[in-house]
Amino acid sequence: MGIFSSIKNAIFGEDKAEAAPATTAAPKATGFNRASSKAVSEVDVEAKLNSKPGADKLNWRTSIVDLMKLVDLDPSYENRKELATELGDTDYSGKAEENIWLHKEVMKKLAAAGGNVPASLRD
């Protein structure tokens, strides 16, 4: 599991598809799949993060380091570099501009995964 998946799972909860045995694939158009997709789209990312202990002491809305701390991930350079590589930056050096980009990309990807992420956190 990658760093982004760890962030997503810390906010959305464990991915049920990952936990299911490989031999029990569900049909594509079942009510289960529709319900599962709907449940993910109802995740209010900002509210979930705000409810975590310590959220009021961290600048998680703009800082990738603080966001990672809030979801109990090591925000070391190595982990941020791995996250940047997962999100398409293969030349990450840890500069402030790159960390800002990384935070915004995480928020965009959370929104693409079905989370309700305010535009102010994506732009």
PDB file of N, CA and C in Angstrom:
ATOM      1  N   MET A   1       0.851  -1.163   0.000  1.00  0.00           N
ATOM      2  CA  MET A   1       0.000   0.000   0.000  1.00  0.00           C
ATOM      3  C   MET A   1       0.900   1.230   0.000  1.00  0.00           C
ATOM      4  N   GLY A   2       0.541   2.214  -0.828  1.00  0.00           N
ATOM      5  CA  GLY A   2       1.329   3.424  -0.941  1.00  0.00           C
ATOM      6  C   GLY A   2       0.963   4.457   0.111  1.00  0.00           C
ATOM      7  N   ILE A   3       1.708   5.545   0.107  1.00  0.00           N
ATOM      8  CA  ILE A   3       1.487   6.622   1.059  1.00  0.00           C
ATOM      9  C   ILE A   3       0.106   7.253   0.839  1.00  0.00           C
ATOM     10  N   PHE A   4      -0.256   7.512  -0.429  1.00  0.00           N
ATOM     11  CA  PHE A   4      -1.568   8.104  -0.673  1.00  0.00           C
ATOM     12  C   PHE A   4      -2.682   7.188  -0.164  1.00  0.00           C
ATOM     13  N   SER A   5      -2.576   5.909  -0.407  1.00  0.00           N
ATOM     14  CA  SER A   5      -3.589   4.973   0.088  1.00  0.00           C
ATOM     15  C   SER A   5      -3.690   5.019   1.607  1.00  0.00           C
ATOM     16  N   SER A   6      -2.569   5.196   2.267  1.00  0.00           N
ATOM     17  CA  SER A   6      -2.581   5.305   3.725  1.00  0.00           C
ATOM     18  C   SER A   6      -3.314   6.561   4.177  1.00  0.00           C
ATOM     19  N   ILE A   7      -3.091   7.670   3.469  1.00  0.00           N
ATOM     20  CA  ILE A   7      -3.790   8.916   3.785  1.00  0.00           C
ATOM     21  C   ILE A   7      -5.287   8.733   3.547  1.00  0.00           C
ATOM     22  N   LYS A   8      -5.628   8.195   2.378  1.00  0.00           N
ATOM     23  CA  LYS A   8      -7.041   7.995   2.032  1.00  0.00           C
ATOM     24  C   LYS A   8      -7.734   7.081   3.038  1.00  0.00           C
ATOM     25  N   ASN A   9      -7.099   5.999   3.398  1.00  0.00           N
ATOM     26  CA  ASN A   9      -7.704   5.060   4.346  1.00  0.00           C
ATOM     27  C   ASN A   9      -7.847   5.666   5.737  1.00  0.00           C
ATOM     28  N   ALA A  10      -6.929   6.544   6.112  1.00  0.00           N
ATOM     29  CA  ALA A  10      -7.030   7.205   7.416  1.00  0.00           C
ATOM     30  C   ALA A  10      -8.227   8.141   7.463  1.00  0.00           C
ATOM     31  N   ILE A  11      -8.619   8.672   6.303  1.00  0.00           N
ATOM     32  CA  ILE A  11      -9.748   9.602   6.242  1.00  0.00           C
ATOM     33  C   ILE A  11     -11.047   8.876   5.913  1.00  0.00           C
ATOM     34  N   PHE A  12     -11.036   8.039   4.893  1.00  0.00           N
ATOM     35  CA  PHE A  12     -12.252   7.357   4.432  1.00  0.00           C
ATOM     36  C   PHE A  12     -12.553   6.104   5.236  1.00  0.00           C
ATOM     37  N   GLY A  13     -11.556   5.553   5.899  1.00  0.00           N
ATOM     38  CA  GLY A  13     -11.695   4.248   6.529  1.00  0.00           C
ATOM     39  C   GLY A  13     -11.064   3.216   5.622  1.00  0.00           C
ATOM     40  N   GLU A  14     -10.839   2.042   6.124  1.00  0.00           N
ATOM     41  CA  GLU A  14     -10.210   0.988   5.337  1.00  0.00           C
ATOM     42  C   GLU A  14     -11.012   0.686   4.085  1.00  0.00           C
ATOM     43  N   ASP A  15     -10.330   0.463   2.995  1.00  0.00           N
ATOM     44  CA  ASP A  15     -10.969   0.148   1.717  1.00  0.00           C
ATOM     45  C   ASP A  15     -11.512  -1.270   1.762  1.00  0.00           C
ATOM     46  N   LYS A  16     -12.817  -1.396   1.668  1.00  0.00           N
ATOM     47  CA  LYS A  16     -13.472  -2.710   1.761  1.00  0.00           C
ATOM     48  C   LYS A  16     -13.040  -3.627   0.618  1.00  0.00           C
ATOM     49  N   ALA A  17     -12.771  -3.061  -0.550  1.00  0.00           N
ATOM     50  CA  ALA A  17     -12.358  -3.879  -1.692  1.00  0.00           C
ATOM     51  C   ALA A  17     -11.011  -4.523  -1.427  1.00  0.00           C
ATOM     52  N   GLU A  18     -10.101  -3.800  -0.765  1.00  0.00           N
ATOM     53  CA  GLU A  18      -8.793  -4.362  -0.450  1.00  0.00           C
ATOM     54  C   GLU A  18      -8.900  -5.468   0.583  1.00  0.00           C
ATOM     55  N   ALA A  19      -9.871  -5.350   1.490  1.00  0.00           N
ATOM     56  CA  ALA A  19     -10.016  -6.326   2.557  1.00  0.00           C
ATOM     57  C   ALA A  19     -10.725  -7.597   2.100  1.00  0.00           C
ATOM     58  N   ALA A  20     -11.461  -7.535   0.996  1.00  0.00           N
ATOM     59  CA  ALA A  20     -12.215  -8.694   0.518  1.00  0.00           C
ATOM     60  C   ALA A  20     -11.278  -9.731  -0.098  1.00  0.00           C
ATOM     61  N   PRO A  21     -11.556 -11.019   0.111  1.00  0.00           N
ATOM     62  CA  PRO A  21     -10.747 -12.060  -0.520  1.00  0.00           C
ATOM     63  C   PRO A  21     -10.835 -11.976  -2.038  1.00  0.00           C
ATOM     64  N   ALA A  22      -9.755 -12.307  -2.717  1.00  0.00           N
ATOM     65  CA  ALA A  22      -9.686 -12.192  -4.173  1.00  0.00           C
ATOM     66  C   ALA A  22     -10.667 -13.113  -4.884  1.00  0.00           C
ATOM     67  N   THR A  23     -11.085 -14.186  -4.247  1.00  0.00           N
ATOM     68  CA  THR A  23     -11.963 -15.154  -4.902  1.00  0.00           C
ATOM     69  C   THR A  23     -13.431 -14.765  -4.854  1.00  0.00           C
ATOM     70  N   THR A  24     -13.775 -13.698  -4.172  1.00  0.00           N
ATOM     71  CA  THR A  24     -15.177 -13.319  -4.051  1.00  0.00           C
ATOM     72  C   THR A  24     -15.442 -11.981  -4.736  1.00  0.00           C
ATOM     73  N   ALA A  25     -15.197 -11.915  -6.032  1.00  0.00           N
ATOM     74  CA  ALA A  25     -15.444 -10.688  -6.783  1.00  0.00           C
ATOM     75  C   ALA A  25     -16.946 -10.510  -6.978  1.00  0.00           C
ATOM     76  N   ALA A  26     -17.439  -9.331  -6.701  1.00  0.00           N
ATOM     77  CA  ALA A  26     -18.869  -9.031  -6.856  1.00  0.00           C
ATOM     78  C   ALA A  26     -19.161  -8.643  -8.297  1.00  0.00           C
ATOM     79  N   PRO A  27     -20.358  -8.929  -8.794  1.00  0.00           N
ATOM     80  CA  PRO A  27     -20.736  -8.481 -10.132  1.00  0.00           C
ATOM     81  C   PRO A  27     -20.689  -6.959 -10.221  1.00  0.00           C
ATOM     82  N   LYS A  28     -20.458  -6.439 -11.427  1.00  0.00           N
ATOM     83  CA  LYS A  28     -20.265  -5.000 -11.604  1.00  0.00           C
ATOM     84  C   LYS A  28     -21.462  -4.150 -11.217  1.00  0.00           C
ATOM     85  N   ALA A  29     -22.652  -4.521 -11.518  1.00  0.00           N
ATOM     86  CA  ALA A  29     -23.804  -3.635 -11.346  1.00  0.00           C
ATOM     87  C   ALA A  29     -24.697  -4.015 -10.167  1.00  0.00           C
ATOM     88  N   THR A  30     -24.124  -4.551  -9.116  1.00  0.00           N
ATOM     89  CA  THR A  30     -24.954  -4.920  -7.972  1.00  0.00           C
ATOM     90  C   THR A  30     -25.260  -3.709  -7.118  1.00  0.00           C
ATOM     91  N   GLY A  31     -26.298  -3.811  -6.317  1.00  0.00           N
ATOM     92  CA  GLY A  31     -26.641  -2.750  -5.377  1.00  0.00           C
ATOM     93  C   GLY A  31     -25.512  -2.506  -4.387  1.00  0.00           C
ATOM     94  N   PHE A  32     -24.742  -3.540  -4.070  1.00  0.00           N
ATOM     95  CA  PHE A  32     -23.621  -3.399  -3.143  1.00  0.00           C
ATOM     96  C   PHE A  32     -22.614  -2.392  -3.668  1.00  0.00           C
ATOM     97  N   ASN A  33     -22.266  -2.492  -4.950  1.00  0.00           N
ATOM     98  CA  ASN A  33     -21.284  -1.568  -5.520  1.00  0.00           C
ATOM     99  C   ASN A  33     -21.806  -0.144  -5.522  1.00  0.00           C
ATOM    100  N   ARG A  34     -23.065   0.049  -5.883  1.00  0.00           N
ATOM    101  CA  ARG A  34     -23.625   1.402  -5.894  1.00  0.00           C
ATOM    102  C   ARG A  34     -23.636   1.976  -4.486  1.00  0.00           C
ATOM    103  N   ALA A  35     -24.015   1.177  -3.505  1.00  0.00           N
ATOM    104  CA  ALA A  35     -24.056   1.653  -2.123  1.00  0.00           C
ATOM    105  C   ALA A  35     -22.649   1.986  -1.633  1.00  0.00           C
ATOM    106  N   SER A  36     -21.687   1.152  -2.001  1.00  0.00           N
ATOM    107  CA  SER A  36     -20.311   1.383  -1.592  1.00  0.00           C
ATOM    108  C   SER A  36     -19.795   2.684  -2.184  1.00  0.00           C
ATOM    109  N   SER A  37     -20.062   2.947  -3.458  1.00  0.00           N
ATOM    110  CA  SER A  37     -19.623   4.184  -4.094  1.00  0.00           C
ATOM    111  C   SER A  37     -20.279   5.385  -3.441  1.00  0.00           C
ATOM    112  N   LYS A  38     -21.549   5.276  -3.128  1.00  0.00           N
ATOM    113  CA  LYS A  38     -22.262   6.379  -2.509  1.00  0.00           C
ATOM    114  C   LYS A  38     -21.689   6.690  -1.132  1.00  0.00           C
ATOM    115  N   ALA A  39     -21.362   5.670  -0.372  1.00  0.00           N
ATOM    116  CA  ALA A  39     -20.831   5.885   0.966  1.00  0.00           C
ATOM    117  C   ALA A  39     -19.524   6.654   0.911  1.00  0.00           C
ATOM    118  N   VAL A  40     -18.642   6.328  -0.050  1.00  0.00           N
ATOM    119  CA  VAL A  40     -17.373   7.027  -0.180  1.00  0.00           C
ATOM    120  C   VAL A  40     -17.609   8.477  -0.562  1.00  0.00           C
ATOM    121  N   SER A  41     -18.549   8.746  -1.472  1.00  0.00           N
ATOM    122  CA  SER A  41     -18.774  10.108  -1.930  1.00  0.00           C
ATOM    123  C   SER A  41     -19.349  10.989  -0.830  1.00  0.00           C
ATOM    124  N   GLU A  42     -19.852  10.406   0.223  1.00  0.00           N
ATOM    125  CA  GLU A  42     -20.411  11.179   1.313  1.00  0.00           C
ATOM    126  C   GLU A  42     -19.379  11.515   2.378  1.00  0.00           C
ATOM    127  N   VAL A  43     -18.134  11.120   2.204  1.00  0.00           N
ATOM    128  CA  VAL A  43     -17.103  11.407   3.191  1.00  0.00           C
ATOM    129  C   VAL A  43     -16.720  12.878   3.098  1.00  0.00           C
ATOM    130  N   ASP A  44     -16.974  13.607   4.171  1.00  0.00           N
ATOM    131  CA  ASP A  44     -16.602  15.014   4.248  1.00  0.00           C
ATOM    132  C   ASP A  44     -15.164  15.071   4.768  1.00  0.00           C
ATOM    133  N   VAL A  45     -14.234  15.249   3.846  1.00  0.00           N
ATOM    134  CA  VAL A  45     -12.810  15.188   4.177  1.00  0.00           C
ATOM    135  C   VAL A  45     -12.436  16.236   5.223  1.00  0.00           C
ATOM    136  N   GLU A  46     -12.891  17.454   5.046  1.00  0.00           N
ATOM    137  CA  GLU A  46     -12.551  18.515   5.994  1.00  0.00           C
ATOM    138  C   GLU A  46     -13.090  18.196   7.389  1.00  0.00           C
ATOM    139  N   ALA A  47     -14.323  17.739   7.481  1.00  0.00           N
ATOM    140  CA  ALA A  47     -14.914  17.403   8.777  1.00  0.00           C
ATOM    141  C   ALA A  47     -14.172  16.238   9.435  1.00  0.00           C
ATOM    142  N   LYS A  48     -13.835  15.223   8.638  1.00  0.00           N
ATOM    143  CA  LYS A  48     -13.107  14.067   9.179  1.00  0.00           C
ATOM    144  C   LYS A  48     -11.764  14.495   9.748  1.00  0.00           C
ATOM    145  N   LEU A  49     -11.045  15.334   9.002  1.00  0.00           N
ATOM    146  CA  LEU A  49      -9.735  15.781   9.464  1.00  0.00           C
ATOM    147  C   LEU A  49      -9.868  16.700  10.677  1.00  0.00           C
ATOM    148  N   ASN A  50     -10.864  17.572  10.671  1.00  0.00           N
ATOM    149  CA  ASN A  50     -11.085  18.464  11.809  1.00  0.00           C
ATOM    150  C   ASN A  50     -11.411  17.697  13.081  1.00  0.00           C
ATOM    151  N   SER A  51     -12.012  16.520  12.952  1.00  0.00           N
ATOM    152  CA  SER A  51     -12.412  15.749  14.127  1.00  0.00           C
ATOM    153  C   SER A  51     -11.261  14.935  14.719  1.00  0.00           C
ATOM    154  N   LYS A  52     -10.142  14.881  14.032  1.00  0.00           N
ATOM    155  CA  LYS A  52      -9.008  14.111  14.548  1.00  0.00           C
ATOM    156  C   LYS A  52      -8.322  14.862  15.696  1.00  0.00           C
ATOM    157  N   PRO A  53      -7.881  14.128  16.699  1.00  0.00           N
ATOM    158  CA  PRO A  53      -7.184  14.769  17.818  1.00  0.00           C
ATOM    159  C   PRO A  53      -5.956  15.541  17.331  1.00  0.00           C
ATOM    160  N   GLY A  54      -5.832  16.773  17.801  1.00  0.00           N
ATOM    161  CA  GLY A  54      -4.684  17.599  17.430  1.00  0.00           C
ATOM    162  C   GLY A  54      -4.886  18.438  16.186  1.00  0.00           C
ATOM    163  N   ALA A  55      -6.023  18.295  15.516  1.00  0.00           N
ATOM    164  CA  ALA A  55      -6.269  19.029  14.270  1.00  0.00           C
ATOM    165  C   ALA A  55      -6.176  20.533  14.469  1.00  0.00           C
ATOM    166  N   ASP A  56      -6.600  21.000  15.633  1.00  0.00           N
ATOM    167  CA  ASP A  56      -6.588  22.438  15.898  1.00  0.00           C
ATOM    168  C   ASP A  56      -5.175  22.980  16.133  1.00  0.00           C
ATOM    169  N   LYS A  57      -4.213  22.096  16.344  1.00  0.00           N
ATOM    170  CA  LYS A  57      -2.838  22.523  16.587  1.00  0.00           C
ATOM    171  C   LYS A  57      -1.941  22.390  15.355  1.00  0.00           C
ATOM    172  N   LEU A  58      -2.487  21.824  14.287  1.00  0.00           N
ATOM    173  CA  LEU A  58      -1.707  21.607  13.074  1.00  0.00           C
ATOM    174  C   LEU A  58      -2.268  22.421  11.910  1.00  0.00           C
ATOM    175  N   ASN A  59      -1.403  22.834  11.022  1.00  0.00           N
ATOM    176  CA  ASN A  59      -1.799  23.584   9.840  1.00  0.00           C
ATOM    177  C   ASN A  59      -2.022  22.612   8.670  1.00  0.00           C
ATOM    178  N   TRP A  60      -2.879  21.632   8.883  1.00  0.00           N
ATOM    179  CA  TRP A  60      -3.078  20.565   7.898  1.00  0.00           C
ATOM    180  C   TRP A  60      -3.740  21.053   6.616  1.00  0.00           C
ATOM    181  N   ARG A  61      -4.405  22.204   6.635  1.00  0.00           N
ATOM    182  CA  ARG A  61      -5.110  22.708   5.449  1.00  0.00           C
ATOM    183  C   ARG A  61      -4.152  23.147   4.339  1.00  0.00           C
ATOM    184  N   THR A  62      -2.916  23.479   4.698  1.00  0.00           N
ATOM    185  CA  THR A  62      -1.957  23.910   3.673  1.00  0.00           C
ATOM    186  C   THR A  62      -0.629  23.165   3.737  1.00  0.00           C
ATOM    187  N   SER A  63      -0.362  22.473   4.816  1.00  0.00           N
ATOM    188  CA  SER A  63       0.928  21.818   5.001  1.00  0.00           C
ATOM    189  C   SER A  63       0.815  20.304   4.825  1.00  0.00           C
ATOM    190  N   ILE A  64       1.576  19.769   3.879  1.00  0.00           N
ATOM    191  CA  ILE A  64       1.581  18.318   3.676  1.00  0.00           C
ATOM    192  C   ILE A  64       2.195  17.623   4.897  1.00  0.00           C
ATOM    193  N   VAL A  65       3.188  18.260   5.520  1.00  0.00           N
ATOM    194  CA  VAL A  65       3.816  17.683   6.707  1.00  0.00           C
ATOM    195  C   VAL A  65       2.782  17.556   7.830  1.00  0.00           C
ATOM    196  N   ASP A  66       2.033  18.629   8.081  1.00  0.00           N
ATOM    197  CA  ASP A  66       1.019  18.583   9.137  1.00  0.00           C
ATOM    198  C   ASP A  66      -0.128  17.642   8.791  1.00  0.00           C
ATOM    199  N   LEU A  67      -0.496  17.573   7.522  1.00  0.00           N
ATOM    200  CA  LEU A  67      -1.539  16.629   7.105  1.00  0.00           C
ATOM    201  C   LEU A  67      -1.099  15.199   7.390  1.00  0.00           C
ATOM    202  N   MET A  68       0.136  14.888   7.049  1.00  0.00           N
ATOM    203  CA  MET A  68       0.647  13.541   7.302  1.00  0.00           C
ATOM    204  C   MET A  68       0.715  13.247   8.793  1.00  0.00           C
ATOM    205  N   LYS A  69       1.134  14.229   9.594  1.00  0.00           N
ATOM    206  CA  LYS A  69       1.163  14.051  11.050  1.00  0.00           C
ATOM    207  C   LYS A  69      -0.240  13.773  11.579  1.00  0.00           C
ATOM    208  N   LEU A  70      -1.224  14.513  11.059  1.00  0.00           N
ATOM    209  CA  LEU A  70      -2.598  14.374  11.538  1.00  0.00           C
ATOM    210  C   LEU A  70      -3.157  12.974  11.297  1.00  0.00           C
ATOM    211  N   VAL A  71      -2.745  12.335  10.213  1.00  0.00           N
ATOM    212  CA  VAL A  71      -3.238  10.980   9.919  1.00  0.00           C
ATOM    213  C   VAL A  71      -2.235   9.907  10.356  1.00  0.00           C
ATOM    214  N   ASP A  72      -1.346  10.305  11.275  1.00  0.00           N
ATOM    215  CA  ASP A  72      -0.377   9.382  11.887  1.00  0.00           C
ATOM    216  C   ASP A  72       0.587   8.746  10.901  1.00  0.00           C
ATOM    217  N   LEU A  73       1.044   9.531   9.937  1.00  0.00           N
ATOM    218  CA  LEU A  73       2.075   9.070   9.006  1.00  0.00           C
ATOM    219  C   LEU A  73       3.354   9.856   9.250  1.00  0.00           C
ATOM    220  N   ASP A  74       4.474   9.217   9.056  1.00  0.00           N
ATOM    221  CA  ASP A  74       5.772   9.864   9.194  1.00  0.00           C
ATOM    222  C   ASP A  74       5.948  10.852   8.032  1.00  0.00           C
ATOM    223  N   PRO A  75       6.089  12.156   8.318  1.00  0.00           N
ATOM    224  CA  PRO A  75       6.211  13.140   7.249  1.00  0.00           C
ATOM    225  C   PRO A  75       7.654  13.359   6.789  1.00  0.00           C
ATOM    226  N   SER A  76       8.483  12.355   6.951  1.00  0.00           N
ATOM    227  CA  SER A  76       9.889  12.488   6.575  1.00  0.00           C
ATOM    228  C   SER A  76      10.038  12.804   5.085  1.00  0.00           C
ATOM    229  N   TYR A  77      11.183  13.324   4.744  1.00  0.00           N
ATOM    230  CA  TYR A  77      11.490  13.619   3.344  1.00  0.00           C
ATOM    231  C   TYR A  77      11.290  12.373   2.477  1.00  0.00           C
ATOM    232  N   GLU A  78      11.750  11.240   2.942  1.00  0.00           N
ATOM    233  CA  GLU A  78      11.638  10.001   2.164  1.00  0.00           C
ATOM    234  C   GLU A  78      10.188   9.658   1.870  1.00  0.00           C
ATOM    235  N   ASN A  79       9.309   9.799   2.863  1.00  0.00           N
ATOM    236  CA  ASN A  79       7.889   9.495   2.649  1.00  0.00           C
ATOM    237  C   ASN A  79       7.222  10.519   1.740  1.00  0.00           C
ATOM    238  N   ARG A  80       7.600  11.800   1.899  1.00  0.00           N
ATOM    239  CA  ARG A  80       7.042  12.820   1.007  1.00  0.00           C
ATOM    240  C   ARG A  80       7.527  12.603  -0.423  1.00  0.00           C
ATOM    241  N   LYS A  81       8.769  12.186  -0.569  1.00  0.00           N
ATOM    242  CA  LYS A  81       9.305  11.896  -1.904  1.00  0.00           C
ATOM    243  C   LYS A  81       8.552  10.716  -2.531  1.00  0.00           C
ATOM    244  N   GLU A  82       8.290   9.686  -1.739  1.00  0.00           N
ATOM    245  CA  GLU A  82       7.528   8.535  -2.227  1.00  0.00           C
ATOM    246  C   GLU A  82       6.116   8.958  -2.638  1.00  0.00           C
ATOM    247  N   LEU A  83       5.478   9.793  -1.822  1.00  0.00           N
ATOM    248  CA  LEU A  83       4.145  10.298  -2.138  1.00  0.00           C
ATOM    249  C   LEU A  83       4.176  11.122  -3.420  1.00  0.00           C
ATOM    250  N   ALA A  84       5.164  11.992  -3.560  1.00  0.00           N
ATOM    251  CA  ALA A  84       5.301  12.809  -4.768  1.00  0.00           C
ATOM    252  C   ALA A  84       5.465  11.926  -6.000  1.00  0.00           C
ATOM    253  N   THR A  85       6.254  10.875  -5.883  1.00  0.00           N
ATOM    254  CA  THR A  85       6.448   9.950  -7.000  1.00  0.00           C
ATOM    255  C   THR A  85       5.136   9.263  -7.360  1.00  0.00           C
ATOM    256  N   GLU A  86       4.356   8.849  -6.346  1.00  0.00           N
ATOM    257  CA  GLU A  86       3.044   8.238  -6.592  1.00  0.00           C
ATOM    258  C   GLU A  86       2.130   9.192  -7.358  1.00  0.00           C
ATOM    259  N   LEU A  87       2.264  10.491  -7.080  1.00  0.00           N
ATOM    260  CA  LEU A  87       1.379  11.488  -7.686  1.00  0.00           C
ATOM    261  C   LEU A  87       1.965  12.121  -8.948  1.00  0.00           C
ATOM    262  N   GLY A  88       3.104  11.638  -9.404  1.00  0.00           N
ATOM    263  CA  GLY A  88       3.628  12.061 -10.702  1.00  0.00           C
ATOM    264  C   GLY A  88       4.848  12.955 -10.704  1.00  0.00           C
ATOM    265  N   ASP A  89       5.388  13.326  -9.546  1.00  0.00           N
ATOM    266  CA  ASP A  89       6.592  14.164  -9.507  1.00  0.00           C
ATOM    267  C   ASP A  89       7.785  13.266  -9.214  1.00  0.00           C
ATOM    268  N   THR A  90       8.522  12.921 -10.235  1.00  0.00           N
ATOM    269  CA  THR A  90       9.667  12.031 -10.067  1.00  0.00           C
ATOM    270  C   THR A  90      10.949  12.792  -9.748  1.00  0.00           C
ATOM    271  N   ASP A  91      10.841  14.126  -9.631  1.00  0.00           N
ATOM    272  CA  ASP A  91      12.009  14.962  -9.379  1.00  0.00           C
ATOM    273  C   ASP A  91      11.852  15.763  -8.082  1.00  0.00           C
ATOM    274  N   TYR A  92      11.154  15.216  -7.111  1.00  0.00           N
ATOM    275  CA  TYR A  92      10.858  15.904  -5.842  1.00  0.00           C
ATOM    276  C   TYR A  92      12.135  16.144  -5.050  1.00  0.00           C
ATOM    277  N   SER A  93      12.301  17.386  -4.570  1.00  0.00           N
ATOM    278  CA  SER A  93      13.481  17.713  -3.768  1.00  0.00           C
ATOM    279  C   SER A  93      13.128  18.275  -2.395  1.00  0.00           C
ATOM    280  N   GLY A  94      11.833  18.448  -2.107  1.00  0.00           N
ATOM    281  CA  GLY A  94      11.408  18.909  -0.796  1.00  0.00           C
ATOM    282  C   GLY A  94      11.273  20.412  -0.662  1.00  0.00           C
ATOM    283  N   LYS A  95      11.350  21.146  -1.765  1.00  0.00           N
ATOM    284  CA  LYS A  95      11.198  22.601  -1.714  1.00  0.00           C
ATOM    285  C   LYS A  95       9.778  22.967  -1.287  1.00  0.00           C
ATOM    286  N   ALA A  96       9.625  24.173  -0.740  1.00  0.00           N
ATOM    287  CA  ALA A  96       8.319  24.645  -0.266  1.00  0.00           C
ATOM    288  C   ALA A  96       7.268  24.584  -1.376  1.00  0.00           C
ATOM    289  N   GLU A  97       7.627  25.005  -2.585  1.00  0.00           N
ATOM    290  CA  GLU A  97       6.675  24.994  -3.708  1.00  0.00           C
ATOM    291  C   GLU A  97       6.216  23.577  -4.018  1.00  0.00           C
ATOM    292  N   GLU A  98       7.132  22.628  -3.906  1.00  0.00           N
ATOM    293  CA  GLU A  98       6.784  21.229  -4.167  1.00  0.00           C
ATOM    294  C   GLU A  98       5.861  20.689  -3.081  1.00  0.00           C
ATOM    295  N   ASN A  99       6.086  21.104  -1.842  1.00  0.00           N
ATOM    296  CA  ASN A  99       5.221  20.659  -0.744  1.00  0.00           C
ATOM    297  C   ASN A  99       3.816  21.231  -0.889  1.00  0.00           C
ATOM    298  N   ILE A 100       3.719  22.473  -1.357  1.00  0.00           N
ATOM    299  CA  ILE A 100       2.405  23.075  -1.615  1.00  0.00           C
ATOM    300  C   ILE A 100       1.703  22.292  -2.723  1.00  0.00           C
ATOM    301  N   TRP A 101       2.423  22.001  -3.800  1.00  0.00           N
ATOM    302  CA  TRP A 101       1.869  21.210  -4.905  1.00  0.00           C
ATOM    303  C   TRP A 101       1.416  19.838  -4.398  1.00  0.00           C
ATOM    304  N   LEU A 102       2.253  19.228  -3.580  1.00  0.00           N
ATOM    305  CA  LEU A 102       1.959  17.885  -3.067  1.00  0.00           C
ATOM    306  C   LEU A 102       0.679  17.886  -2.243  1.00  0.00           C
ATOM    307  N   HIS A 103       0.508  18.871  -1.394  1.00  0.00           N
ATOM    308  CA  HIS A 103      -0.699  18.974  -0.574  1.00  0.00           C
ATOM    309  C   HIS A 103      -1.930  19.119  -1.466  1.00  0.00           C
ATOM    310  N   LYS A 104      -1.850  20.001  -2.453  1.00  0.00           N
ATOM    311  CA  LYS A 104      -2.993  20.219  -3.351  1.00  0.00           C
ATOM    312  C   LYS A 104      -3.305  18.966  -4.160  1.00  0.00           C
ATOM    313  N   GLU A 105      -2.289  18.269  -4.595  1.00  0.00           N
ATOM    314  CA  GLU A 105      -2.508  17.032  -5.355  1.00  0.00           C
ATOM    315  C   GLU A 105      -3.180  15.964  -4.494  1.00  0.00           C
ATOM    316  N   VAL A 106      -2.785  15.865  -3.247  1.00  0.00           N
ATOM    317  CA  VAL A 106      -3.428  14.908  -2.335  1.00  0.00           C
ATOM    318  C   VAL A 106      -4.904  15.250  -2.203  1.00  0.00           C
ATOM    319  N   MET A 107      -5.209  16.529  -2.014  1.00  0.00           N
ATOM    320  CA  MET A 107      -6.604  16.953  -1.865  1.00  0.00           C
ATOM    321  C   MET A 107      -7.398  16.691  -3.148  1.00  0.00           C
ATOM    322  N   LYS A 108      -6.798  16.961  -4.300  1.00  0.00           N
ATOM    323  CA  LYS A 108      -7.473  16.698  -5.579  1.00  0.00           C
ATOM    324  C   LYS A 108      -7.739  15.200  -5.740  1.00  0.00           C
ATOM    325  N   LYS A 109      -6.762  14.403  -5.357  1.00  0.00           N
ATOM    326  CA  LYS A 109      -6.914  12.955  -5.502  1.00  0.00           C
ATOM    327  C   LYS A 109      -7.955  12.407  -4.516  1.00  0.00           C
ATOM    328  N   LEU A 110      -8.036  12.990  -3.333  1.00  0.00           N
ATOM    329  CA  LEU A 110      -9.086  12.594  -2.384  1.00  0.00           C
ATOM    330  C   LEU A 110     -10.458  12.929  -2.962  1.00  0.00           C
ATOM    331  N   ALA A 111     -10.564  14.090  -3.604  1.00  0.00           N
ATOM    332  CA  ALA A 111     -11.827  14.477  -4.240  1.00  0.00           C
ATOM    333  C   ALA A 111     -12.152  13.528  -5.393  1.00  0.00           C
ATOM    334  N   ALA A 112     -11.145  13.167  -6.182  1.00  0.00           N
ATOM    335  CA  ALA A 112     -11.358  12.250  -7.305  1.00  0.00           C
ATOM    336  C   ALA A 112     -11.768  10.865  -6.821  1.00  0.00           C
ATOM    337  N   ALA A 113     -11.343  10.509  -5.613  1.00  0.00           N
ATOM    338  CA  ALA A 113     -11.695   9.207  -5.037  1.00  0.00           C
ATOM    339  C   ALA A 113     -13.092   9.223  -4.424  1.00  0.00           C
ATOM    340  N   GLY A 114     -13.750  10.377  -4.478  1.00  0.00           N
ATOM    341  CA  GLY A 114     -15.118  10.456  -3.997  1.00  0.00           C
ATOM    342  C   GLY A 114     -15.303  11.262  -2.735  1.00  0.00           C
ATOM    343  N   GLY A 115     -14.242  11.841  -2.227  1.00  0.00           N
ATOM    344  CA  GLY A 115     -14.379  12.646  -1.013  1.00  0.00           C
ATOM    345  C   GLY A 115     -14.934  14.029  -1.315  1.00  0.00           C
ATOM    346  N   ASN A 116     -15.626  14.584  -0.359  1.00  0.00           N
ATOM    347  CA  ASN A 116     -16.122  15.942  -0.462  1.00  0.00           C
ATOM    348  C   ASN A 116     -15.027  16.859   0.072  1.00  0.00           C
ATOM    349  N   VAL A 117     -14.280  17.489  -0.859  1.00  0.00           N
ATOM    350  CA  VAL A 117     -13.153  18.348  -0.501  1.00  0.00           C
ATOM    351  C   VAL A 117     -13.464  19.751  -0.966  1.00  0.00           C
ATOM    352  N   PRO A 118     -13.502  20.738  -0.071  1.00  0.00           N
ATOM    353  CA  PRO A 118     -13.784  22.119  -0.484  1.00  0.00           C
ATOM    354  C   PRO A 118     -12.764  22.616  -1.504  1.00  0.00           C
ATOM    355  N   ALA A 119     -13.214  23.462  -2.413  1.00  0.00           N
ATOM    356  CA  ALA A 119     -12.330  24.016  -3.438  1.00  0.00           C
ATOM    357  C   ALA A 119     -11.136  24.735  -2.821  1.00  0.00           C
ATOM    358  N   SER A 120     -11.332  25.354  -1.674  1.00  0.00           N
ATOM    359  CA  SER A 120     -10.237  26.081  -1.038  1.00  0.00           C
ATOM    360  C   SER A 120      -9.060  25.166  -0.665  1.00  0.00           C
ATOM    361  N   LEU A 121      -9.306  23.876  -0.513  1.00  0.00           N
ATOM    362  CA  LEU A 121      -8.236  22.937  -0.206  1.00  0.00           C
ATOM    363  C   LEU A 121      -7.625  22.325  -1.462  1.00  0.00           C
ATOM    364  N   ARG A 122      -8.295  22.479  -2.596  1.00  0.00           N
ATOM    365  CA  ARG A 122      -7.799  21.904  -3.850  1.00  0.00           C
ATOM    366  C   ARG A 122      -7.087  22.915  -4.731  1.00  0.00           C
ATOM    367  N   ASP A 123      -7.384  24.200  -4.563  1.00  0.00           N
ATOM    368  CA  ASP A 123      -6.837  25.238  -5.452  1.00  0.00           C
ATOM    369  C   ASP A 123      -5.636  25.934  -4.865  1.00  0.00           C
TER     370      ASP A 123
END
